[in-house]
N, C-alpha and C. Protein backbone atom coordinates (compact mmCIF):
# COMPACT_ATOMS: atom_id res chain seq x y z
N MET A 1 43.18 -33.44 -20.01
CA MET A 1 43.86 -33.25 -18.71
C MET A 1 44.91 -32.29 -18.94
N LYS A 2 45.78 -32.28 -20.07
CA LYS A 2 46.79 -31.35 -20.31
C LYS A 2 46.21 -30.05 -20.56
N GLU A 3 45.01 -30.00 -21.24
CA GLU A 3 44.44 -28.61 -21.54
C GLU A 3 43.94 -27.94 -20.28
N THR A 4 43.43 -28.81 -19.44
CA THR A 4 42.83 -28.18 -18.17
C THR A 4 44.00 -27.61 -17.31
N SER A 5 45.16 -28.26 -17.34
CA SER A 5 46.22 -27.68 -16.45
C SER A 5 46.78 -26.42 -17.16
N GLU A 6 46.76 -26.29 -18.48
CA GLU A 6 47.25 -25.08 -19.07
C GLU A 6 46.25 -23.97 -18.88
N ILE A 7 45.00 -24.21 -18.84
CA ILE A 7 44.07 -23.19 -18.60
C ILE A 7 44.11 -22.71 -17.17
N THR A 8 44.25 -23.60 -16.22
CA THR A 8 44.49 -23.28 -14.78
C THR A 8 45.75 -22.46 -14.57
N ARG A 9 46.86 -22.88 -15.28
CA ARG A 9 48.14 -22.14 -15.22
C ARG A 9 47.96 -20.70 -15.75
N THR A 10 47.26 -20.60 -16.95
CA THR A 10 47.01 -19.41 -17.56
C THR A 10 46.23 -18.38 -16.60
N ARG A 11 45.23 -18.95 -15.96
CA ARG A 11 44.45 -18.10 -15.06
C ARG A 11 45.27 -17.67 -13.88
N ARG A 12 46.20 -18.55 -13.33
CA ARG A 12 46.90 -18.13 -12.26
C ARG A 12 48.02 -17.08 -12.54
N ASP A 13 48.59 -17.31 -13.81
CA ASP A 13 49.59 -16.24 -14.38
C ASP A 13 48.90 -14.92 -14.60
N SER A 14 47.66 -14.82 -15.11
CA SER A 14 47.02 -13.62 -15.42
C SER A 14 46.65 -12.90 -14.12
N SER A 15 46.47 -13.61 -13.02
CA SER A 15 46.16 -12.98 -11.74
C SER A 15 47.22 -12.82 -10.84
N ALA A 16 48.54 -13.17 -11.27
CA ALA A 16 49.64 -13.22 -10.29
C ALA A 16 49.90 -11.85 -9.80
N GLY A 17 50.07 -11.67 -8.58
CA GLY A 17 50.29 -10.38 -7.92
C GLY A 17 49.12 -9.55 -7.71
N VAL A 18 47.93 -10.10 -8.04
CA VAL A 18 46.76 -9.45 -7.70
C VAL A 18 45.92 -10.14 -6.72
N PRO A 19 45.71 -9.48 -5.55
CA PRO A 19 45.04 -10.27 -4.50
C PRO A 19 43.55 -10.43 -4.91
N PRO A 20 42.94 -11.54 -4.44
CA PRO A 20 41.57 -11.73 -4.82
C PRO A 20 40.65 -10.67 -4.23
N ALA A 21 39.56 -10.36 -4.87
CA ALA A 21 38.65 -9.36 -4.25
C ALA A 21 37.74 -9.99 -3.24
N VAL A 22 38.12 -9.82 -2.02
CA VAL A 22 37.35 -10.29 -0.87
C VAL A 22 36.92 -9.10 -0.02
N PRO A 23 35.75 -8.92 0.27
CA PRO A 23 35.30 -7.76 1.06
C PRO A 23 35.92 -7.80 2.45
N SER A 24 36.42 -6.77 3.01
CA SER A 24 37.01 -6.83 4.34
C SER A 24 35.87 -6.73 5.38
N ALA A 25 36.30 -7.14 6.60
CA ALA A 25 35.27 -7.06 7.61
C ALA A 25 34.67 -5.70 7.90
N SER A 26 35.50 -4.72 7.66
CA SER A 26 35.05 -3.34 7.91
C SER A 26 34.02 -2.91 6.84
N SER A 27 34.20 -3.40 5.55
CA SER A 27 33.26 -2.96 4.60
C SER A 27 31.92 -3.61 4.68
N GLY A 28 31.87 -4.79 5.14
CA GLY A 28 30.66 -5.58 5.45
C GLY A 28 29.41 -5.19 4.69
N GLN A 29 28.43 -4.77 5.56
CA GLN A 29 27.15 -4.46 5.09
C GLN A 29 27.09 -3.11 4.30
N ALA A 30 28.04 -2.15 4.61
CA ALA A 30 28.01 -0.94 4.08
C ALA A 30 28.31 -1.11 2.56
N ALA A 31 29.31 -1.95 2.29
CA ALA A 31 29.69 -2.15 0.89
C ALA A 31 28.48 -2.86 0.04
N GLY A 32 27.82 -3.67 0.79
CA GLY A 32 26.70 -4.35 0.07
C GLY A 32 25.59 -3.37 -0.23
N ALA A 33 25.33 -2.44 0.61
CA ALA A 33 24.35 -1.44 0.48
C ALA A 33 24.75 -0.59 -0.83
N SER A 34 26.01 -0.37 -1.02
CA SER A 34 26.45 0.40 -2.22
C SER A 34 26.13 -0.37 -3.44
N ARG A 35 25.94 -1.64 -3.46
CA ARG A 35 25.58 -2.39 -4.60
C ARG A 35 24.10 -2.31 -4.93
N ALA A 36 23.32 -1.79 -3.86
CA ALA A 36 21.90 -1.58 -4.18
C ALA A 36 21.61 -0.25 -4.90
N PRO A 37 20.52 -0.07 -5.54
CA PRO A 37 20.28 1.18 -6.12
C PRO A 37 20.16 2.34 -5.16
N LEU A 38 20.54 3.52 -5.53
CA LEU A 38 20.62 4.65 -4.64
C LEU A 38 19.36 4.83 -3.94
N TRP A 39 18.15 4.82 -4.56
CA TRP A 39 16.86 5.06 -4.06
C TRP A 39 16.53 4.00 -3.01
N ALA A 40 17.00 2.74 -3.16
CA ALA A 40 16.78 1.67 -2.23
C ALA A 40 17.62 1.86 -0.94
N THR A 41 18.82 2.29 -1.16
CA THR A 41 19.69 2.63 -0.01
C THR A 41 19.17 3.81 0.78
N LEU A 42 18.82 4.85 0.19
CA LEU A 42 18.13 6.05 0.91
C LEU A 42 16.98 5.62 1.61
N VAL A 43 16.01 4.91 1.04
CA VAL A 43 14.87 4.51 1.66
C VAL A 43 15.10 3.56 2.74
N GLY A 44 15.88 2.47 2.42
CA GLY A 44 16.18 1.39 3.37
C GLY A 44 16.86 1.91 4.58
N THR A 45 17.77 2.79 4.53
CA THR A 45 18.56 3.27 5.53
C THR A 45 17.91 4.44 6.26
N PHE A 46 16.68 4.92 5.75
CA PHE A 46 15.95 6.07 6.23
C PHE A 46 16.93 7.36 6.14
N LEU A 47 17.42 7.52 4.91
CA LEU A 47 18.31 8.68 4.65
C LEU A 47 19.57 8.63 5.45
N GLY A 48 20.03 7.35 5.72
CA GLY A 48 21.30 7.15 6.31
C GLY A 48 21.24 6.96 7.83
N ILE A 49 20.16 7.09 8.39
CA ILE A 49 19.97 6.81 9.84
C ILE A 49 20.44 5.37 10.28
N GLY A 50 20.21 4.55 9.32
CA GLY A 50 20.63 3.15 9.64
C GLY A 50 22.04 2.89 9.70
N ARG A 51 22.84 3.90 9.35
CA ARG A 51 24.26 3.78 9.54
C ARG A 51 24.81 4.25 10.88
N MET A 52 23.83 4.86 11.72
CA MET A 52 24.19 5.25 13.04
C MET A 52 24.37 4.11 13.94
N ARG A 53 25.45 4.23 14.80
CA ARG A 53 25.74 3.12 15.87
C ARG A 53 25.72 3.80 17.18
N PRO A 54 25.53 3.11 18.26
CA PRO A 54 25.07 1.70 18.25
C PRO A 54 23.56 1.59 18.00
N GLY A 55 23.03 0.52 17.81
CA GLY A 55 21.56 0.32 17.70
C GLY A 55 20.91 1.09 16.59
N PRO A 56 21.17 0.69 15.34
CA PRO A 56 20.58 1.51 14.25
C PRO A 56 19.01 1.46 14.24
N GLY A 57 18.44 0.41 14.70
CA GLY A 57 16.94 0.28 14.89
C GLY A 57 16.36 1.18 15.79
N THR A 58 17.10 1.37 16.95
CA THR A 58 16.67 2.35 17.94
C THR A 58 16.84 3.78 17.37
N TRP A 59 17.76 4.08 16.59
CA TRP A 59 17.90 5.34 16.03
C TRP A 59 16.81 5.69 14.99
N GLY A 60 16.54 4.60 14.27
CA GLY A 60 15.38 4.66 13.29
C GLY A 60 14.01 4.95 13.88
N SER A 61 13.76 4.29 15.05
CA SER A 61 12.62 4.37 15.74
C SER A 61 12.51 5.77 16.45
N ALA A 62 13.61 6.32 16.93
CA ALA A 62 13.54 7.60 17.63
C ALA A 62 13.28 8.67 16.61
N ALA A 63 14.05 8.67 15.40
CA ALA A 63 13.83 9.65 14.43
C ALA A 63 12.36 9.58 13.89
N THR A 64 11.85 8.42 13.75
CA THR A 64 10.41 8.31 13.34
C THR A 64 9.48 8.96 14.33
N MET A 65 9.66 8.71 15.63
CA MET A 65 8.87 9.28 16.62
C MET A 65 8.90 10.81 16.62
N LEU A 66 10.17 11.31 16.45
CA LEU A 66 10.27 12.86 16.51
C LEU A 66 9.64 13.39 15.17
N LEU A 67 9.90 12.80 14.02
CA LEU A 67 9.26 13.33 12.80
C LEU A 67 7.74 13.26 12.83
N TRP A 68 7.14 12.10 13.39
CA TRP A 68 5.76 11.95 13.53
C TRP A 68 5.25 13.04 14.48
N ALA A 69 5.85 13.23 15.56
CA ALA A 69 5.45 14.33 16.49
C ALA A 69 5.32 15.64 15.77
N ALA A 70 6.40 16.03 15.07
CA ALA A 70 6.38 17.33 14.31
C ALA A 70 5.25 17.44 13.39
N LEU A 71 5.12 16.28 12.62
CA LEU A 71 3.94 16.27 11.60
C LEU A 71 2.59 16.35 12.27
N ALA A 72 2.41 15.45 13.25
CA ALA A 72 1.07 15.32 13.95
C ALA A 72 0.65 16.71 14.63
N TYR A 73 1.63 17.40 15.23
CA TYR A 73 1.36 18.73 15.79
C TYR A 73 0.68 19.80 14.76
N ASN A 74 0.99 19.54 13.55
CA ASN A 74 0.55 20.44 12.53
C ASN A 74 -0.77 19.82 11.79
N LEU A 75 -1.32 18.83 12.30
CA LEU A 75 -2.50 18.28 11.72
C LEU A 75 -3.65 18.54 12.58
N ALA A 76 -4.80 18.56 11.94
CA ALA A 76 -6.08 18.64 12.75
C ALA A 76 -6.24 17.38 13.52
N PRO A 77 -6.66 17.40 14.74
CA PRO A 77 -6.76 16.24 15.68
C PRO A 77 -7.61 15.06 15.01
N TRP A 78 -8.66 15.36 14.26
CA TRP A 78 -9.41 14.26 13.58
C TRP A 78 -8.70 13.53 12.56
N SER A 79 -7.60 14.25 11.92
CA SER A 79 -6.93 13.69 10.74
C SER A 79 -5.66 12.88 11.20
N ARG A 80 -5.29 12.93 12.47
CA ARG A 80 -3.99 12.26 12.78
C ARG A 80 -3.92 10.78 12.53
N ALA A 81 -5.00 10.13 13.11
CA ALA A 81 -5.11 8.66 12.92
C ALA A 81 -5.09 8.22 11.57
N PRO A 82 -5.94 8.82 10.65
CA PRO A 82 -5.96 8.26 9.24
C PRO A 82 -4.62 8.68 8.57
N VAL A 83 -3.96 9.81 8.88
CA VAL A 83 -2.66 10.22 8.26
C VAL A 83 -1.69 9.12 8.66
N ALA A 84 -1.61 8.74 10.03
CA ALA A 84 -0.63 7.88 10.60
C ALA A 84 -0.79 6.46 9.80
N ILE A 85 -2.06 6.02 9.66
CA ILE A 85 -2.27 4.78 8.93
C ILE A 85 -1.82 4.90 7.54
N GLY A 86 -2.09 5.98 6.83
CA GLY A 86 -1.68 6.22 5.41
C GLY A 86 -0.11 6.18 5.35
N VAL A 87 0.47 6.89 6.22
CA VAL A 87 2.01 7.10 6.11
C VAL A 87 2.58 5.73 6.38
N ALA A 88 2.01 5.00 7.44
CA ALA A 88 2.60 3.61 7.67
C ALA A 88 2.45 2.72 6.47
N ALA A 89 1.31 2.86 5.87
CA ALA A 89 1.07 1.91 4.64
C ALA A 89 2.00 2.24 3.63
N MET A 90 2.22 3.62 3.25
CA MET A 90 3.07 4.06 2.29
C MET A 90 4.53 3.64 2.57
N VAL A 91 5.02 3.83 3.77
CA VAL A 91 6.35 3.44 4.12
C VAL A 91 6.46 1.97 3.96
N THR A 92 5.52 1.20 4.32
CA THR A 92 5.48 -0.35 4.16
C THR A 92 5.63 -0.77 2.59
N LEU A 93 4.85 -0.06 1.87
CA LEU A 93 4.81 -0.41 0.40
C LEU A 93 6.05 0.01 -0.32
N ILE A 94 6.68 1.09 0.11
CA ILE A 94 7.98 1.49 -0.48
C ILE A 94 9.07 0.79 0.23
N GLY A 95 8.99 0.53 1.61
CA GLY A 95 10.05 -0.16 2.28
C GLY A 95 10.29 -1.57 1.90
N ILE A 96 9.27 -2.36 1.55
CA ILE A 96 9.59 -3.72 1.14
C ILE A 96 10.51 -3.92 0.01
N PRO A 97 10.21 -3.19 -1.13
CA PRO A 97 11.13 -3.34 -2.23
C PRO A 97 12.50 -2.77 -1.97
N ALA A 98 12.52 -1.68 -1.23
CA ALA A 98 13.88 -1.12 -0.79
C ALA A 98 14.63 -1.98 0.01
N ALA A 99 13.99 -2.62 1.04
CA ALA A 99 14.70 -3.56 1.97
C ALA A 99 15.22 -4.77 1.08
N THR A 100 14.33 -5.20 0.20
CA THR A 100 14.78 -6.40 -0.60
C THR A 100 16.10 -6.04 -1.47
N ARG A 101 16.11 -4.76 -2.03
CA ARG A 101 17.20 -4.54 -2.86
C ARG A 101 18.48 -4.25 -2.03
N VAL A 102 18.37 -3.72 -0.79
CA VAL A 102 19.64 -3.45 0.08
C VAL A 102 20.03 -4.86 0.55
N ALA A 103 19.09 -5.69 0.94
CA ALA A 103 19.45 -7.15 1.40
C ALA A 103 20.26 -7.83 0.38
N ARG A 104 19.68 -7.71 -0.87
CA ARG A 104 20.35 -8.56 -2.01
C ARG A 104 21.81 -7.89 -2.21
N GLY A 105 21.86 -6.59 -2.15
CA GLY A 105 23.18 -5.91 -2.34
C GLY A 105 24.13 -6.24 -1.25
N ALA A 106 23.63 -6.46 -0.10
CA ALA A 106 24.50 -6.70 1.05
C ALA A 106 24.77 -8.30 1.11
N GLY A 107 24.06 -9.09 0.46
CA GLY A 107 24.13 -10.51 0.53
C GLY A 107 23.81 -11.10 1.85
N THR A 108 22.95 -10.46 2.61
CA THR A 108 22.48 -10.96 3.85
C THR A 108 20.92 -10.88 3.89
N LYS A 109 20.34 -11.70 4.74
CA LYS A 109 18.85 -11.70 4.82
C LYS A 109 18.36 -10.42 5.39
N ASP A 110 18.92 -9.86 6.47
CA ASP A 110 18.40 -8.65 7.04
C ASP A 110 19.52 -7.78 7.57
N PRO A 111 20.05 -6.89 6.52
CA PRO A 111 21.22 -6.07 6.97
C PRO A 111 20.84 -5.06 8.05
N GLN A 112 21.80 -4.89 8.91
CA GLN A 112 21.63 -4.03 10.08
C GLN A 112 21.34 -2.49 9.64
N ILE A 113 21.80 -2.13 8.42
CA ILE A 113 21.60 -0.78 8.14
C ILE A 113 20.22 -0.54 7.59
N VAL A 114 19.37 -1.58 7.28
CA VAL A 114 18.01 -1.26 6.94
C VAL A 114 17.12 -1.01 8.09
N VAL A 115 16.64 0.22 8.26
CA VAL A 115 15.75 0.64 9.35
C VAL A 115 14.33 1.01 8.94
N ILE A 116 14.03 0.95 7.67
CA ILE A 116 12.83 1.38 7.07
C ILE A 116 11.70 0.56 7.81
N ASP A 117 12.09 -0.67 8.13
CA ASP A 117 11.13 -1.55 8.85
C ASP A 117 10.75 -0.99 10.17
N GLU A 118 11.74 -0.42 10.90
CA GLU A 118 11.49 0.28 12.23
C GLU A 118 10.54 1.57 12.09
N VAL A 119 10.83 2.22 10.94
CA VAL A 119 10.03 3.41 10.64
C VAL A 119 8.52 2.97 10.55
N ALA A 120 8.28 1.94 9.72
CA ALA A 120 6.88 1.43 9.56
C ALA A 120 6.21 0.96 10.85
N GLY A 121 7.06 0.12 11.57
CA GLY A 121 6.50 -0.43 12.83
C GLY A 121 6.32 0.69 13.95
N GLN A 122 7.18 1.66 14.05
CA GLN A 122 7.02 2.67 15.00
C GLN A 122 5.77 3.54 14.61
N LEU A 123 5.61 3.80 13.36
CA LEU A 123 4.39 4.52 13.03
C LEU A 123 3.10 3.81 13.39
N VAL A 124 3.11 2.44 13.16
CA VAL A 124 1.93 1.75 13.55
C VAL A 124 1.74 1.79 15.00
N ALA A 125 2.66 1.69 15.79
CA ALA A 125 2.59 1.84 17.32
C ALA A 125 2.06 3.21 17.75
N LEU A 126 2.15 4.16 16.95
CA LEU A 126 1.68 5.53 17.33
C LEU A 126 0.32 5.87 16.75
N ILE A 127 -0.28 5.00 16.10
CA ILE A 127 -1.69 5.34 15.61
C ILE A 127 -2.66 5.68 16.61
N ALA A 128 -3.28 6.92 16.48
CA ALA A 128 -4.43 7.26 17.41
C ALA A 128 -3.84 7.41 18.88
N VAL A 129 -2.51 7.81 19.02
CA VAL A 129 -1.91 8.03 20.31
C VAL A 129 -1.96 9.46 20.62
N PRO A 130 -2.38 9.91 21.84
CA PRO A 130 -2.34 11.36 22.11
C PRO A 130 -0.98 11.93 21.94
N LEU A 131 -0.95 13.29 21.57
CA LEU A 131 0.32 13.95 21.46
C LEU A 131 0.81 14.46 22.80
N ALA A 132 1.38 13.52 23.55
CA ALA A 132 1.95 13.75 24.92
C ALA A 132 3.24 13.04 25.00
N TRP A 133 4.17 13.59 25.76
CA TRP A 133 5.49 12.95 25.91
C TRP A 133 5.45 11.56 26.44
N LYS A 134 4.53 11.32 27.39
CA LYS A 134 4.30 10.04 27.96
C LYS A 134 3.86 8.92 26.99
N SER A 135 2.90 9.30 26.20
CA SER A 135 2.47 8.48 25.13
C SER A 135 3.49 8.18 24.17
N PHE A 136 4.25 9.10 23.69
CA PHE A 136 5.24 8.84 22.67
C PHE A 136 6.41 8.05 23.31
N LEU A 137 6.76 8.33 24.50
CA LEU A 137 7.84 7.52 25.20
C LEU A 137 7.39 6.06 25.38
N ALA A 138 6.06 5.84 25.86
CA ALA A 138 5.60 4.43 26.01
C ALA A 138 5.44 3.85 24.63
N GLY A 139 5.04 4.58 23.59
CA GLY A 139 4.96 3.91 22.28
C GLY A 139 6.34 3.50 21.63
N PHE A 140 7.32 4.33 22.02
CA PHE A 140 8.64 4.04 21.58
C PHE A 140 9.22 2.83 22.27
N ILE A 141 9.08 2.87 23.67
CA ILE A 141 9.57 1.67 24.37
C ILE A 141 8.85 0.40 24.10
N LEU A 142 7.53 0.40 24.05
CA LEU A 142 6.79 -0.74 23.62
C LEU A 142 7.16 -1.36 22.35
N PHE A 143 7.32 -0.46 21.28
CA PHE A 143 7.74 -0.94 19.99
C PHE A 143 8.99 -1.63 20.04
N ARG A 144 10.05 -0.91 20.69
CA ARG A 144 11.42 -1.50 20.71
C ARG A 144 11.43 -2.88 21.44
N VAL A 145 10.68 -3.01 22.50
CA VAL A 145 10.61 -4.22 23.24
C VAL A 145 10.04 -5.33 22.41
N PHE A 146 8.87 -5.08 21.78
CA PHE A 146 8.24 -6.10 20.91
C PHE A 146 9.12 -6.36 19.68
N ASP A 147 9.83 -5.49 19.19
CA ASP A 147 10.79 -5.59 18.05
C ASP A 147 11.95 -6.56 18.39
N ILE A 148 12.40 -6.31 19.63
CA ILE A 148 13.64 -7.03 20.11
C ILE A 148 13.21 -8.55 20.51
N VAL A 149 12.10 -8.62 21.34
CA VAL A 149 11.68 -9.90 21.79
C VAL A 149 11.04 -10.83 20.85
N LYS A 150 10.27 -10.12 19.93
CA LYS A 150 9.65 -10.82 18.82
C LYS A 150 8.79 -12.00 19.36
N PRO A 151 7.70 -11.70 20.08
CA PRO A 151 6.78 -12.78 20.44
C PRO A 151 6.11 -13.41 19.18
N PRO A 152 5.61 -14.62 19.36
CA PRO A 152 4.83 -15.19 18.17
C PRO A 152 3.64 -14.39 17.72
N PRO A 153 3.37 -14.14 16.57
CA PRO A 153 4.04 -14.65 15.40
C PRO A 153 5.00 -13.77 14.75
N VAL A 154 5.53 -12.70 15.57
CA VAL A 154 6.46 -11.78 15.01
C VAL A 154 7.74 -12.49 14.44
N ARG A 155 8.35 -13.47 15.27
CA ARG A 155 9.55 -14.08 14.76
C ARG A 155 9.28 -14.90 13.63
N GLN A 156 8.13 -15.58 13.46
CA GLN A 156 7.83 -16.42 12.29
C GLN A 156 7.66 -15.55 11.00
N LEU A 157 7.35 -14.24 11.14
CA LEU A 157 7.18 -13.40 9.93
C LEU A 157 8.58 -13.21 9.33
N GLU A 158 9.71 -13.15 10.09
CA GLU A 158 11.01 -13.12 9.52
C GLU A 158 11.39 -14.14 8.61
N ALA A 159 10.67 -15.30 8.50
CA ALA A 159 10.91 -16.40 7.54
C ALA A 159 10.34 -16.01 6.19
N ILE A 160 9.55 -14.98 6.12
CA ILE A 160 9.06 -14.60 4.79
C ILE A 160 10.24 -14.03 3.99
N PRO A 161 10.42 -14.44 2.77
CA PRO A 161 11.53 -14.03 1.95
C PRO A 161 11.70 -12.51 1.85
N GLU A 162 13.01 -12.09 1.78
CA GLU A 162 13.43 -10.80 1.48
C GLU A 162 12.85 -9.65 2.21
N GLY A 163 12.49 -8.49 1.50
CA GLY A 163 12.00 -7.28 2.15
C GLY A 163 10.68 -7.49 2.89
N ALA A 164 9.89 -8.38 2.47
CA ALA A 164 8.58 -8.65 3.03
C ALA A 164 8.76 -9.18 4.51
N GLY A 165 9.68 -10.07 4.70
CA GLY A 165 10.05 -10.63 5.94
C GLY A 165 10.78 -9.46 6.87
N ILE A 166 11.60 -8.74 6.33
CA ILE A 166 12.26 -7.65 6.98
C ILE A 166 11.21 -6.72 7.62
N VAL A 167 10.30 -6.32 6.80
CA VAL A 167 9.33 -5.22 7.15
C VAL A 167 8.15 -5.76 7.95
N LEU A 168 7.58 -6.89 7.47
CA LEU A 168 6.43 -7.43 8.14
C LEU A 168 6.56 -7.74 9.59
N ASP A 169 7.73 -8.19 10.02
CA ASP A 169 7.84 -8.60 11.45
C ASP A 169 7.82 -7.33 12.33
N ASP A 170 8.31 -6.25 11.79
CA ASP A 170 8.23 -4.89 12.53
C ASP A 170 6.78 -4.35 12.51
N ILE A 171 6.05 -4.62 11.49
CA ILE A 171 4.68 -4.16 11.48
C ILE A 171 3.92 -4.96 12.57
N ALA A 172 4.16 -6.26 12.65
CA ALA A 172 3.56 -7.15 13.83
C ALA A 172 3.93 -6.53 15.10
N ALA A 173 5.22 -6.24 15.37
CA ALA A 173 5.69 -5.65 16.54
C ALA A 173 4.99 -4.40 16.84
N GLY A 174 4.82 -3.60 15.85
CA GLY A 174 4.04 -2.39 16.00
C GLY A 174 2.68 -2.49 16.35
N LEU A 175 2.05 -3.52 15.85
CA LEU A 175 0.64 -3.77 16.21
C LEU A 175 0.54 -4.29 17.71
N TYR A 176 1.52 -5.15 18.13
CA TYR A 176 1.51 -5.43 19.61
C TYR A 176 1.72 -4.22 20.38
N ALA A 177 2.63 -3.40 20.03
CA ALA A 177 2.78 -2.14 20.80
C ALA A 177 1.53 -1.25 20.68
N LEU A 178 0.88 -1.27 19.71
CA LEU A 178 -0.30 -0.38 19.50
C LEU A 178 -1.53 -0.92 20.44
N ILE A 179 -1.56 -2.24 20.52
CA ILE A 179 -2.60 -2.75 21.38
C ILE A 179 -2.30 -2.55 22.78
N VAL A 180 -1.13 -2.75 23.25
CA VAL A 180 -0.77 -2.53 24.65
C VAL A 180 -0.88 -0.96 24.99
N MET A 181 -0.44 -0.20 23.96
CA MET A 181 -0.57 1.18 24.24
C MET A 181 -1.97 1.69 24.48
N HIS A 182 -2.86 1.19 23.65
CA HIS A 182 -4.31 1.60 23.83
C HIS A 182 -4.98 0.96 25.06
N LEU A 183 -4.43 -0.10 25.54
CA LEU A 183 -4.89 -0.70 26.81
C LEU A 183 -4.38 0.20 27.90
N PHE A 184 -3.17 0.64 27.83
CA PHE A 184 -2.66 1.63 28.92
C PHE A 184 -3.55 2.90 28.86
N LEU A 185 -3.85 3.35 27.65
CA LEU A 185 -4.63 4.60 27.57
C LEU A 185 -6.14 4.37 28.13
N HIS A 186 -6.65 3.26 27.71
CA HIS A 186 -7.98 2.97 28.19
C HIS A 186 -8.16 2.85 29.69
N PHE A 187 -7.13 2.28 30.35
CA PHE A 187 -7.05 2.05 31.81
C PHE A 187 -6.43 3.31 32.50
N GLY A 188 -6.07 4.37 31.83
CA GLY A 188 -5.54 5.63 32.43
C GLY A 188 -4.22 5.46 32.99
N LEU A 189 -3.38 4.57 32.44
CA LEU A 189 -2.05 4.35 32.98
C LEU A 189 -1.06 5.30 32.41
N LEU A 190 -1.41 6.27 31.63
CA LEU A 190 -0.44 7.20 31.00
C LEU A 190 -0.85 8.61 31.37
N LYS A 191 -1.37 8.84 32.52
CA LYS A 191 -1.84 10.27 32.91
C LYS A 191 -0.71 10.88 33.66
């Protein structure tokens, strides 16, 4: 008993005058991301776009849509769908471990700064979509709606641990958007 009280007193004396290291509310997730490897932070935040406010997911989706439009305009029409599928798959495979590392660094299940999941989902929503502003706008809106509303089984995919849950729910939202988008195109609703 006496030894325990001496150890406790020694610990208090050695830290006297030094406040405990508690993260402030303003440092929050940004500080957590800095504990993640640089590559994971850059990928997870889509080169920092995830730090934009308000609505980092919307910024990530908008940037993806614009970058895909720029890339797709420079591709042969027959190659656009396979390239979109390939890029979405690559983003997903790189995004899952990056999202995992950033989430671990932030100490939260799904940090707001991680937007690589929106990148992957938005790319899925734009597979085989015509290069027209109406199609891109509809794909953007549809994806954001499904990502926010999260109809079944999208919400259930969030329960998957770490980066897989972060990314796969957005892939599912992208698939919903893709289906509705192609129904709109099939029935001529985007002319």
